[in-house]
Amino acid sequence: MNGSFLIPEKFYLSGRQVKVLINDPYLNKKRYHGLSVFKKSIIYLCNFFDGKPLPKTQKEQTFYHELVHMILDDMSAKDDKLNRLKYDEDFVEGFAQRLYEYEKTKQ
């Protein structure tokens, strides 16, 4: 489906299934490479952005960014600080970059 061994089609967080779906029209309209929809437990990614294929590494990095949003959402039910962090794009991106580096370099 997604052309990357790092990006699953689905996974579980606290027993809740999260689906990873491609939705180019929706994301292009919003001008996003990816989006986490917490209430539906869906991460949307795009294969094409502005009519051009999204490079595999950029798609993987976008997945990890959205994964961090989902993890923080899962953890934030009773924690206001974590609830705020899930919307903090700088924090999410920094965490996602490190997680992605770990995945790409582990031996």
PDB file of N, CA and C in Angstrom:
ATOM      1  N   MET A   1       0.810  -1.198   0.000  1.00  0.00           N
ATOM      2  CA  MET A   1       0.000   0.000   0.000  1.00  0.00           C
ATOM      3  C   MET A   1       0.852   1.260   0.000  1.00  0.00           C
ATOM      4  N   ASN A   2       1.831   1.351   0.897  1.00  0.00           N
ATOM      5  CA  ASN A   2       2.506   2.618   1.058  1.00  0.00           C
ATOM      6  C   ASN A   2       3.961   2.628   0.601  1.00  0.00           C
ATOM      7  N   GLY A   3       4.512   1.493   0.198  1.00  0.00           N
ATOM      8  CA  GLY A   3       5.851   1.440  -0.355  1.00  0.00           C
ATOM      9  C   GLY A   3       6.975   1.595   0.649  1.00  0.00           C
ATOM     10  N   SER A   4       6.704   1.424   1.930  1.00  0.00           N
ATOM     11  CA  SER A   4       7.737   1.578   2.950  1.00  0.00           C
ATOM     12  C   SER A   4       7.557   0.541   4.041  1.00  0.00           C
ATOM     13  N   PHE A   5       8.660  -0.116   4.407  1.00  0.00           N
ATOM     14  CA  PHE A   5       8.565  -1.073   5.505  1.00  0.00           C
ATOM     15  C   PHE A   5       8.416  -0.358   6.846  1.00  0.00           C
ATOM     16  N   LEU A   6       8.685   0.931   6.902  1.00  0.00           N
ATOM     17  CA  LEU A   6       8.548   1.688   8.144  1.00  0.00           C
ATOM     18  C   LEU A   6       7.119   2.160   8.393  1.00  0.00           C
ATOM     19  N   ILE A   7       6.298   2.146   7.359  1.00  0.00           N
ATOM     20  CA  ILE A   7       4.921   2.634   7.497  1.00  0.00           C
ATOM     21  C   ILE A   7       3.957   1.454   7.428  1.00  0.00           C
ATOM     22  N   PRO A   8       3.285   1.158   8.535  1.00  0.00           N
ATOM     23  CA  PRO A   8       2.325   0.055   8.525  1.00  0.00           C
ATOM     24  C   PRO A   8       0.984   0.482   7.927  1.00  0.00           C
ATOM     25  N   GLU A   9       0.146  -0.483   7.633  1.00  0.00           N
ATOM     26  CA  GLU A   9      -1.221  -0.187   7.195  1.00  0.00           C
ATOM     27  C   GLU A   9      -2.141   0.021   8.393  1.00  0.00           C
ATOM     28  N   LYS A  10      -1.765  -0.589   9.516  1.00  0.00           N
ATOM     29  CA  LYS A  10      -2.497  -0.396  10.766  1.00  0.00           C
ATOM     30  C   LYS A  10      -1.582  -0.800  11.914  1.00  0.00           C
ATOM     31  N   PHE A  11      -1.912  -0.304  13.100  1.00  0.00           N
ATOM     32  CA  PHE A  11      -1.177  -0.657  14.308  1.00  0.00           C
ATOM     33  C   PHE A  11      -2.111  -0.400  15.489  1.00  0.00           C
ATOM     34  N   TYR A  12      -1.665  -0.746  16.682  1.00  0.00           N
ATOM     35  CA  TYR A  12      -2.499  -0.585  17.871  1.00  0.00           C
ATOM     36  C   TYR A  12      -1.818   0.301  18.903  1.00  0.00           C
ATOM     37  N   LEU A  13      -2.621   1.158  19.533  1.00  0.00           N
ATOM     38  CA  LEU A  13      -2.198   1.965  20.671  1.00  0.00           C
ATOM     39  C   LEU A  13      -3.214   1.733  21.784  1.00  0.00           C
ATOM     40  N   SER A  14      -2.746   1.211  22.901  1.00  0.00           N
ATOM     41  CA  SER A  14      -3.621   0.906  24.043  1.00  0.00           C
ATOM     42  C   SER A  14      -4.827   0.085  23.613  1.00  0.00           C
ATOM     43  N   GLY A  15      -4.609  -0.860  22.721  1.00  0.00           N
ATOM     44  CA  GLY A  15      -5.669  -1.752  22.270  1.00  0.00           C
ATOM     45  C   GLY A  15      -6.577  -1.173  21.206  1.00  0.00           C
ATOM     46  N   ARG A  16      -6.369   0.070  20.828  1.00  0.00           N
ATOM     47  CA  ARG A  16      -7.197   0.733  19.818  1.00  0.00           C
ATOM     48  C   ARG A  16      -6.477   0.678  18.473  1.00  0.00           C
ATOM     49  N   GLN A  17      -7.174   0.200  17.458  1.00  0.00           N
ATOM     50  CA  GLN A  17      -6.579   0.103  16.131  1.00  0.00           C
ATOM     51  C   GLN A  17      -6.501   1.476  15.469  1.00  0.00           C
ATOM     52  N   VAL A  18      -5.339   1.769  14.920  1.00  0.00           N
ATOM     53  CA  VAL A  18      -5.131   3.001  14.163  1.00  0.00           C
ATOM     54  C   VAL A  18      -4.832   2.589  12.727  1.00  0.00           C
ATOM     55  N   LYS A  19      -5.589   3.123  11.790  1.00  0.00           N
ATOM     56  CA  LYS A  19      -5.383   2.827  10.373  1.00  0.00           C
ATOM     57  C   LYS A  19      -4.541   3.923   9.737  1.00  0.00           C
ATOM     58  N   VAL A  20      -3.727   3.521   8.770  1.00  0.00           N
ATOM     59  CA  VAL A  20      -2.923   4.458   8.002  1.00  0.00           C
ATOM     60  C   VAL A  20      -3.435   4.402   6.568  1.00  0.00           C
ATOM     61  N   LEU A  21      -3.993   5.508   6.110  1.00  0.00           N
ATOM     62  CA  LEU A  21      -4.637   5.552   4.801  1.00  0.00           C
ATOM     63  C   LEU A  21      -4.027   6.641   3.925  1.00  0.00           C
ATOM     64  N   ILE A  22      -4.046   6.395   2.643  1.00  0.00           N
ATOM     65  CA  ILE A  22      -3.619   7.397   1.664  1.00  0.00           C
ATOM     66  C   ILE A  22      -4.849   8.182   1.230  1.00  0.00           C
ATOM     67  N   ASN A  23      -4.734   9.515   1.266  1.00  0.00           N
ATOM     68  CA  ASN A  23      -5.848  10.364   0.833  1.00  0.00           C
ATOM     69  C   ASN A  23      -5.282  11.640   0.215  1.00  0.00           C
ATOM     70  N   ASP A  24      -4.786  11.511  -1.004  1.00  0.00           N
ATOM     71  CA  ASP A  24      -4.171  12.645  -1.688  1.00  0.00           C
ATOM     72  C   ASP A  24      -5.120  13.836  -1.867  1.00  0.00           C
ATOM     73  N   PRO A  25      -6.347  13.641  -2.369  1.00  0.00           N
ATOM     74  CA  PRO A  25      -7.214  14.808  -2.592  1.00  0.00           C
ATOM     75  C   PRO A  25      -7.484  15.616  -1.311  1.00  0.00           C
ATOM     76  N   TYR A  26      -7.801  14.921  -0.240  1.00  0.00           N
ATOM     77  CA  TYR A  26      -8.111  15.576   1.030  1.00  0.00           C
ATOM     78  C   TYR A  26      -6.908  16.355   1.559  1.00  0.00           C
ATOM     79  N   LEU A  27      -5.738  15.714   1.576  1.00  0.00           N
ATOM     80  CA  LEU A  27      -4.547  16.356   2.123  1.00  0.00           C
ATOM     81  C   LEU A  27      -4.046  17.487   1.237  1.00  0.00           C
ATOM     82  N   ASN A  28      -4.118  17.308  -0.073  1.00  0.00           N
ATOM     83  CA  ASN A  28      -3.692  18.377  -0.972  1.00  0.00           C
ATOM     84  C   ASN A  28      -4.582  19.611  -0.804  1.00  0.00           C
ATOM     85  N   LYS A  29      -5.870  19.376  -0.620  1.00  0.00           N
ATOM     86  CA  LYS A  29      -6.800  20.486  -0.406  1.00  0.00           C
ATOM     87  C   LYS A  29      -6.449  21.241   0.872  1.00  0.00           C
ATOM     88  N   LYS A  30      -6.070  20.512   1.920  1.00  0.00           N
ATOM     89  CA  LYS A  30      -5.700  21.128   3.196  1.00  0.00           C
ATOM     90  C   LYS A  30      -4.261  21.648   3.198  1.00  0.00           C
ATOM     91  N   ARG A  31      -3.465  21.240   2.180  1.00  0.00           N
ATOM     92  CA  ARG A  31      -2.049  21.620   2.051  1.00  0.00           C
ATOM     93  C   ARG A  31      -1.183  20.929   3.102  1.00  0.00           C
ATOM     94  N   TYR A  32      -1.526  19.662   3.445  1.00  0.00           N
ATOM     95  CA  TYR A  32      -0.772  18.859   4.408  1.00  0.00           C
ATOM     96  C   TYR A  32      -0.175  17.654   3.712  1.00  0.00           C
ATOM     97  N   HIS A  33       0.941  17.183   4.234  1.00  0.00           N
ATOM     98  CA  HIS A  33       1.504  15.900   3.789  1.00  0.00           C
ATOM     99  C   HIS A  33       0.900  14.747   4.586  1.00  0.00           C
ATOM    100  N   GLY A  34       0.406  15.053   5.786  1.00  0.00           N
ATOM    101  CA  GLY A  34      -0.191  14.039   6.636  1.00  0.00           C
ATOM    102  C   GLY A  34      -1.110  14.688   7.655  1.00  0.00           C
ATOM    103  N   LEU A  35      -1.954  13.864   8.257  1.00  0.00           N
ATOM    104  CA  LEU A  35      -2.902  14.368   9.247  1.00  0.00           C
ATOM    105  C   LEU A  35      -3.338  13.235  10.153  1.00  0.00           C
ATOM    106  N   SER A  36      -3.377  13.502  11.457  1.00  0.00           N
ATOM    107  CA  SER A  36      -3.915  12.550  12.434  1.00  0.00           C
ATOM    108  C   SER A  36      -5.333  12.957  12.780  1.00  0.00           C
ATOM    109  N   VAL A  37      -6.251  12.023  12.651  1.00  0.00           N
ATOM    110  CA  VAL A  37      -7.642  12.265  13.035  1.00  0.00           C
ATOM    111  C   VAL A  37      -7.895  11.417  14.275  1.00  0.00           C
ATOM    112  N   PHE A  38      -7.777  12.058  15.426  1.00  0.00           N
ATOM    113  CA  PHE A  38      -7.805  11.339  16.699  1.00  0.00           C
ATOM    114  C   PHE A  38      -9.095  10.561  16.920  1.00  0.00           C
ATOM    115  N   LYS A  39     -10.227  11.201  16.716  1.00  0.00           N
ATOM    116  CA  LYS A  39     -11.514  10.560  17.022  1.00  0.00           C
ATOM    117  C   LYS A  39     -11.805   9.356  16.127  1.00  0.00           C
ATOM    118  N   LYS A  40     -11.234   9.340  14.928  1.00  0.00           N
ATOM    119  CA  LYS A  40     -11.445   8.214  14.013  1.00  0.00           C
ATOM    120  C   LYS A  40     -10.297   7.215  14.041  1.00  0.00           C
ATOM    121  N   SER A  41      -9.237   7.518  14.786  1.00  0.00           N
ATOM    122  CA  SER A  41      -8.044   6.670  14.853  1.00  0.00           C
ATOM    123  C   SER A  41      -7.485   6.391  13.457  1.00  0.00           C
ATOM    124  N   ILE A  42      -7.263   7.486  12.721  1.00  0.00           N
ATOM    125  CA  ILE A  42      -6.743   7.377  11.359  1.00  0.00           C
ATOM    126  C   ILE A  42      -5.579   8.349  11.189  1.00  0.00           C
ATOM    127  N   ILE A  43      -4.538   7.868  10.547  1.00  0.00           N
ATOM    128  CA  ILE A  43      -3.472   8.732  10.061  1.00  0.00           C
ATOM    129  C   ILE A  43      -3.601   8.751   8.552  1.00  0.00           C
ATOM    130  N   TYR A  44      -3.772   9.937   7.998  1.00  0.00           N
ATOM    131  CA  TYR A  44      -3.807  10.102   6.550  1.00  0.00           C
ATOM    132  C   TYR A  44      -2.432  10.546   6.062  1.00  0.00           C
ATOM    133  N   LEU A  45      -1.987   9.944   4.985  1.00  0.00           N
ATOM    134  CA  LEU A  45      -0.748  10.332   4.311  1.00  0.00           C
ATOM    135  C   LEU A  45      -1.045  10.544   2.836  1.00  0.00           C
ATOM    136  N   CYS A  46      -0.154  11.268   2.164  1.00  0.00           N
ATOM    137  CA  CYS A  46      -0.343  11.410   0.722  1.00  0.00           C
ATOM    138  C   CYS A  46       0.844  10.813  -0.028  1.00  0.00           C
ATOM    139  N   ASN A  47       0.557  10.300  -1.198  1.00  0.00           N
ATOM    140  CA  ASN A  47       1.584   9.796  -2.114  1.00  0.00           C
ATOM    141  C   ASN A  47       2.027  10.885  -3.077  1.00  0.00           C
ATOM    142  N   PHE A  48       1.091  11.775  -3.412  1.00  0.00           N
ATOM    143  CA  PHE A  48       1.363  12.860  -4.354  1.00  0.00           C
ATOM    144  C   PHE A  48       0.971  14.181  -3.704  1.00  0.00           C
ATOM    145  N   PHE A  49       1.821  15.183  -3.874  1.00  0.00           N
ATOM    146  CA  PHE A  49       1.536  16.504  -3.351  1.00  0.00           C
ATOM    147  C   PHE A  49       1.807  17.509  -4.459  1.00  0.00           C
ATOM    148  N   ASP A  50       0.825  18.324  -4.756  1.00  0.00           N
ATOM    149  CA  ASP A  50       0.915  19.264  -5.889  1.00  0.00           C
ATOM    150  C   ASP A  50       1.238  18.537  -7.195  1.00  0.00           C
ATOM    151  N   GLY A  51       0.683  17.341  -7.362  1.00  0.00           N
ATOM    152  CA  GLY A  51       0.859  16.586  -8.592  1.00  0.00           C
ATOM    153  C   GLY A  51       2.194  15.872  -8.720  1.00  0.00           C
ATOM    154  N   LYS A  52       3.044  15.959  -7.710  1.00  0.00           N
ATOM    155  CA  LYS A  52       4.358  15.315  -7.756  1.00  0.00           C
ATOM    156  C   LYS A  52       4.427  14.235  -6.684  1.00  0.00           C
ATOM    157  N   PRO A  53       5.109  13.115  -6.982  1.00  0.00           N
ATOM    158  CA  PRO A  53       5.244  12.070  -5.966  1.00  0.00           C
ATOM    159  C   PRO A  53       5.985  12.596  -4.733  1.00  0.00           C
ATOM    160  N   LEU A  54       5.478  12.274  -3.571  1.00  0.00           N
ATOM    161  CA  LEU A  54       6.156  12.625  -2.324  1.00  0.00           C
ATOM    162  C   LEU A  54       7.308  11.641  -2.134  1.00  0.00           C
ATOM    163  N   PRO A  55       8.540  12.113  -1.952  1.00  0.00           N
ATOM    164  CA  PRO A  55       9.667  11.187  -1.762  1.00  0.00           C
ATOM    165  C   PRO A  55       9.429  10.259  -0.575  1.00  0.00           C
ATOM    166  N   LYS A  56       9.912   9.040  -0.694  1.00  0.00           N
ATOM    167  CA  LYS A  56       9.702   8.013   0.329  1.00  0.00           C
ATOM    168  C   LYS A  56      10.159   8.494   1.708  1.00  0.00           C
ATOM    169  N   THR A  57      11.325   9.117   1.788  1.00  0.00           N
ATOM    170  CA  THR A  57      11.813   9.572   3.094  1.00  0.00           C
ATOM    171  C   THR A  57      10.903  10.645   3.677  1.00  0.00           C
ATOM    172  N   GLN A  58      10.381  11.521   2.856  1.00  0.00           N
ATOM    173  CA  GLN A  58       9.479  12.562   3.358  1.00  0.00           C
ATOM    174  C   GLN A  58       8.167  11.941   3.847  1.00  0.00           C
ATOM    175  N   LYS A  59       7.702  10.937   3.137  1.00  0.00           N
ATOM    176  CA  LYS A  59       6.479  10.243   3.553  1.00  0.00           C
ATOM    177  C   LYS A  59       6.707   9.514   4.881  1.00  0.00           C
ATOM    178  N   GLU A  60       7.867   8.877   5.025  1.00  0.00           N
ATOM    179  CA  GLU A  60       8.187   8.189   6.280  1.00  0.00           C
ATOM    180  C   GLU A  60       8.288   9.186   7.435  1.00  0.00           C
ATOM    181  N   GLN A  61       8.970  10.312   7.198  1.00  0.00           N
ATOM    182  CA  GLN A  61       9.087  11.326   8.243  1.00  0.00           C
ATOM    183  C   GLN A  61       7.716  11.884   8.622  1.00  0.00           C
ATOM    184  N   THR A  62       6.866  12.057   7.631  1.00  0.00           N
ATOM    185  CA  THR A  62       5.507  12.534   7.903  1.00  0.00           C
ATOM    186  C   THR A  62       4.745  11.517   8.739  1.00  0.00           C
ATOM    187  N   PHE A  63       4.899  10.223   8.420  1.00  0.00           N
ATOM    188  CA  PHE A  63       4.245   9.185   9.217  1.00  0.00           C
ATOM    189  C   PHE A  63       4.684   9.272  10.675  1.00  0.00           C
ATOM    190  N   TYR A  64       5.982   9.388  10.919  1.00  0.00           N
ATOM    191  CA  TYR A  64       6.460   9.447  12.298  1.00  0.00           C
ATOM    192  C   TYR A  64       5.961  10.700  13.012  1.00  0.00           C
ATOM    193  N   HIS A  65       5.847  11.794  12.307  1.00  0.00           N
ATOM    194  CA  HIS A  65       5.272  13.016  12.884  1.00  0.00           C
ATOM    195  C   HIS A  65       3.825  12.755  13.330  1.00  0.00           C
ATOM    196  N   GLU A  66       3.052  12.154  12.456  1.00  0.00           N
ATOM    197  CA  GLU A  66       1.641  11.869  12.790  1.00  0.00           C
ATOM    198  C   GLU A  66       1.538  10.802  13.874  1.00  0.00           C
ATOM    199  N   LEU A  67       2.454   9.841  13.879  1.00  0.00           N
ATOM    200  CA  LEU A  67       2.485   8.819  14.929  1.00  0.00           C
ATOM    201  C   LEU A  67       2.687   9.458  16.299  1.00  0.00           C
ATOM    202  N   VAL A  68       3.591  10.419  16.394  1.00  0.00           N
ATOM    203  CA  VAL A  68       3.813  11.104  17.666  1.00  0.00           C
ATOM    204  C   VAL A  68       2.540  11.823  18.107  1.00  0.00           C
ATOM    205  N   HIS A  69       1.846  12.490  17.183  1.00  0.00           N
ATOM    206  CA  HIS A  69       0.556  13.097  17.535  1.00  0.00           C
ATOM    207  C   HIS A  69      -0.381  12.045  18.128  1.00  0.00           C
ATOM    208  N   MET A  70      -0.475  10.893  17.478  1.00  0.00           N
ATOM    209  CA  MET A  70      -1.388   9.828  17.948  1.00  0.00           C
ATOM    210  C   MET A  70      -0.987   9.295  19.315  1.00  0.00           C
ATOM    211  N   ILE A  71       0.305   9.099  19.536  1.00  0.00           N
ATOM    212  CA  ILE A  71       0.770   8.600  20.829  1.00  0.00           C
ATOM    213  C   ILE A  71       0.437   9.608  21.927  1.00  0.00           C
ATOM    214  N   LEU A  72       0.714  10.877  21.675  1.00  0.00           N
ATOM    215  CA  LEU A  72       0.412  11.903  22.677  1.00  0.00           C
ATOM    216  C   LEU A  72      -1.087  12.007  22.933  1.00  0.00           C
ATOM    217  N   ASP A  73      -1.893  11.867  21.892  1.00  0.00           N
ATOM    218  CA  ASP A  73      -3.338  11.863  22.088  1.00  0.00           C
ATOM    219  C   ASP A  73      -3.751  10.685  22.970  1.00  0.00           C
ATOM    220  N   ASP A  74      -3.179   9.525  22.703  1.00  0.00           N
ATOM    221  CA  ASP A  74      -3.498   8.328  23.480  1.00  0.00           C
ATOM    222  C   ASP A  74      -3.119   8.503  24.953  1.00  0.00           C
ATOM    223  N   MET A  75      -2.027   9.196  25.208  1.00  0.00           N
ATOM    224  CA  MET A  75      -1.530   9.377  26.571  1.00  0.00           C
ATOM    225  C   MET A  75      -2.193  10.545  27.298  1.00  0.00           C
ATOM    226  N   SER A  76      -2.880  11.410  26.584  1.00  0.00           N
ATOM    227  CA  SER A  76      -3.295  12.688  27.157  1.00  0.00           C
ATOM    228  C   SER A  76      -4.674  12.719  27.798  1.00  0.00           C
ATOM    229  N   ALA A  77      -5.367  11.609  27.862  1.00  0.00           N
ATOM    230  CA  ALA A  77      -6.752  11.617  28.342  1.00  0.00           C
ATOM    231  C   ALA A  77      -6.925  12.342  29.676  1.00  0.00           C
ATOM    232  N   LYS A  78      -6.010  12.137  30.605  1.00  0.00           N
ATOM    233  CA  LYS A  78      -6.152  12.752  31.932  1.00  0.00           C
ATOM    234  C   LYS A  78      -4.965  13.653  32.268  1.00  0.00           C
ATOM    235  N   ASP A  79      -4.278  14.140  31.256  1.00  0.00           N
ATOM    236  CA  ASP A  79      -3.090  14.948  31.499  1.00  0.00           C
ATOM    237  C   ASP A  79      -3.113  16.180  30.592  1.00  0.00           C
ATOM    238  N   ASP A  80      -3.393  17.328  31.175  1.00  0.00           N
ATOM    239  CA  ASP A  80      -3.509  18.564  30.396  1.00  0.00           C
ATOM    240  C   ASP A  80      -2.205  18.929  29.688  1.00  0.00           C
ATOM    241  N   LYS A  81      -1.059  18.668  30.338  1.00  0.00           N
ATOM    242  CA  LYS A  81       0.230  18.997  29.719  1.00  0.00           C
ATOM    243  C   LYS A  81       0.426  18.184  28.442  1.00  0.00           C
ATOM    244  N   LEU A  82       0.151  16.893  28.494  1.00  0.00           N
ATOM    245  CA  LEU A  82       0.276  16.050  27.303  1.00  0.00           C
ATOM    246  C   LEU A  82      -0.755  16.444  26.249  1.00  0.00           C
ATOM    247  N   ASN A  83      -1.923  16.841  26.689  1.00  0.00           N
ATOM    248  CA  ASN A  83      -2.953  17.282  25.748  1.00  0.00           C
ATOM    249  C   ASN A  83      -2.480  18.511  24.971  1.00  0.00           C
ATOM    250  N   ARG A  84      -1.808  19.421  25.653  1.00  0.00           N
ATOM    251  CA  ARG A  84      -1.254  20.597  24.967  1.00  0.00           C
ATOM    252  C   ARG A  84      -0.098  20.191  24.048  1.00  0.00           C
ATOM    253  N   LEU A  85       0.740  19.264  24.499  1.00  0.00           N
ATOM    254  CA  LEU A  85       1.894  18.844  23.701  1.00  0.00           C
ATOM    255  C   LEU A  85       1.494  18.207  22.377  1.00  0.00           C
ATOM    256  N   LYS A  86       0.363  17.529  22.331  1.00  0.00           N
ATOM    257  CA  LYS A  86      -0.034  16.865  21.086  1.00  0.00           C
ATOM    258  C   LYS A  86      -0.324  17.871  19.974  1.00  0.00           C
ATOM    259  N   TYR A  87      -0.524  19.145  20.344  1.00  0.00           N
ATOM    260  CA  TYR A  87      -0.756  20.197  19.351  1.00  0.00           C
ATOM    261  C   TYR A  87       0.476  21.094  19.150  1.00  0.00           C
ATOM    262  N   ASP A  88       1.539  20.812  19.879  1.00  0.00           N
ATOM    263  CA  ASP A  88       2.765  21.609  19.787  1.00  0.00           C
ATOM    264  C   ASP A  88       3.610  21.065  18.629  1.00  0.00           C
ATOM    265  N   GLU A  89       3.502  21.695  17.462  1.00  0.00           N
ATOM    266  CA  GLU A  89       4.141  21.192  16.252  1.00  0.00           C
ATOM    267  C   GLU A  89       5.664  21.123  16.368  1.00  0.00           C
ATOM    268  N   ASP A  90       6.290  22.078  17.066  1.00  0.00           N
ATOM    269  CA  ASP A  90       7.747  22.033  17.228  1.00  0.00           C
ATOM    270  C   ASP A  90       8.165  20.821  18.057  1.00  0.00           C
ATOM    271  N   PHE A  91       7.465  20.580  19.171  1.00  0.00           N
ATOM    272  CA  PHE A  91       7.770  19.419  20.002  1.00  0.00           C
ATOM    273  C   PHE A  91       7.544  18.122  19.228  1.00  0.00           C
ATOM    274  N   VAL A  92       6.386  18.010  18.575  1.00  0.00           N
ATOM    275  CA  VAL A  92       6.044  16.799  17.825  1.00  0.00           C
ATOM    276  C   VAL A  92       7.084  16.543  16.738  1.00  0.00           C
ATOM    277  N   GLU A  93       7.464  17.566  16.006  1.00  0.00           N
ATOM    278  CA  GLU A  93       8.443  17.395  14.926  1.00  0.00           C
ATOM    279  C   GLU A  93       9.812  16.989  15.465  1.00  0.00           C
ATOM    280  N   GLY A  94      10.251  17.610  16.556  1.00  0.00           N
ATOM    281  CA  GLY A  94      11.538  17.237  17.156  1.00  0.00           C
ATOM    282  C   GLY A  94      11.556  15.787  17.624  1.00  0.00           C
ATOM    283  N   PHE A  95      10.485  15.378  18.271  1.00  0.00           N
ATOM    284  CA  PHE A  95      10.379  13.995  18.742  1.00  0.00           C
ATOM    285  C   PHE A  95      10.337  13.045  17.551  1.00  0.00           C
ATOM    286  N   ALA A  96       9.544  13.381  16.548  1.00  0.00           N
ATOM    287  CA  ALA A  96       9.395  12.522  15.371  1.00  0.00           C
ATOM    288  C   ALA A  96      10.717  12.366  14.621  1.00  0.00           C
ATOM    289  N   GLN A  97      11.489  13.431  14.501  1.00  0.00           N
ATOM    290  CA  GLN A  97      12.781  13.351  13.810  1.00  0.00           C
ATOM    291  C   GLN A  97      13.717  12.381  14.516  1.00  0.00           C
ATOM    292  N   ARG A  98      13.721  12.420  15.832  1.00  0.00           N
ATOM    293  CA  ARG A  98      14.586  11.521  16.591  1.00  0.00           C
ATOM    294  C   ARG A  98      14.107  10.076  16.505  1.00  0.00           C
ATOM    295  N   LEU A  99      12.813   9.882  16.558  1.00  0.00           N
ATOM    296  CA  LEU A  99      12.254   8.533  16.426  1.00  0.00           C
ATOM    297  C   LEU A  99      12.549   7.957  15.044  1.00  0.00           C
ATOM    298  N   TYR A 100      12.405   8.777  14.024  1.00  0.00           N
ATOM    299  CA  TYR A 100      12.694   8.345  12.655  1.00  0.00           C
ATOM    300  C   TYR A 100      14.178   8.013  12.493  1.00  0.00           C
ATOM    301  N   GLU A 101      15.059   8.843  13.060  1.00  0.00           N
ATOM    302  CA  GLU A 101      16.494   8.562  12.990  1.00  0.00           C
ATOM    303  C   GLU A 101      16.815   7.225  13.655  1.00  0.00           C
ATOM    304  N   TYR A 102      16.199   6.979  14.803  1.00  0.00           N
ATOM    305  CA  TYR A 102      16.377   5.695  15.488  1.00  0.00           C
ATOM    306  C   TYR A 102      15.985   4.541  14.570  1.00  0.00           C
ATOM    307  N   GLU A 103      14.805   4.621  13.970  1.00  0.00           N
ATOM    308  CA  GLU A 103      14.317   3.547  13.104  1.00  0.00           C
ATOM    309  C   GLU A 103      15.220   3.312  11.893  1.00  0.00           C
ATOM    310  N   LYS A 104      15.736   4.385  11.327  1.00  0.00           N
ATOM    311  CA  LYS A 104      16.571   4.268  10.123  1.00  0.00           C
ATOM    312  C   LYS A 104      17.976   3.768  10.424  1.00  0.00           C
ATOM    313  N   THR A 105      18.462   3.958  11.656  1.00  0.00           N
ATOM    314  CA  THR A 105      19.866   3.640  11.945  1.00  0.00           C
ATOM    315  C   THR A 105      20.063   2.456  12.883  1.00  0.00           C
ATOM    316  N   LYS A 106      18.992   1.888  13.419  1.00  0.00           N
ATOM    317  CA  LYS A 106      19.179   0.772  14.356  1.00  0.00           C
ATOM    318  C   LYS A 106      19.774  -0.425  13.622  1.00  0.00           C
ATOM    319  N   GLN A 107      20.549  -1.196  14.352  1.00  0.00           N
ATOM    320  CA  GLN A 107      21.236  -2.344  13.748  1.00  0.00           C
ATOM    321  C   GLN A 107      20.869  -3.630  14.440  1.00  0.00           C
TER     322      GLN A 107
END
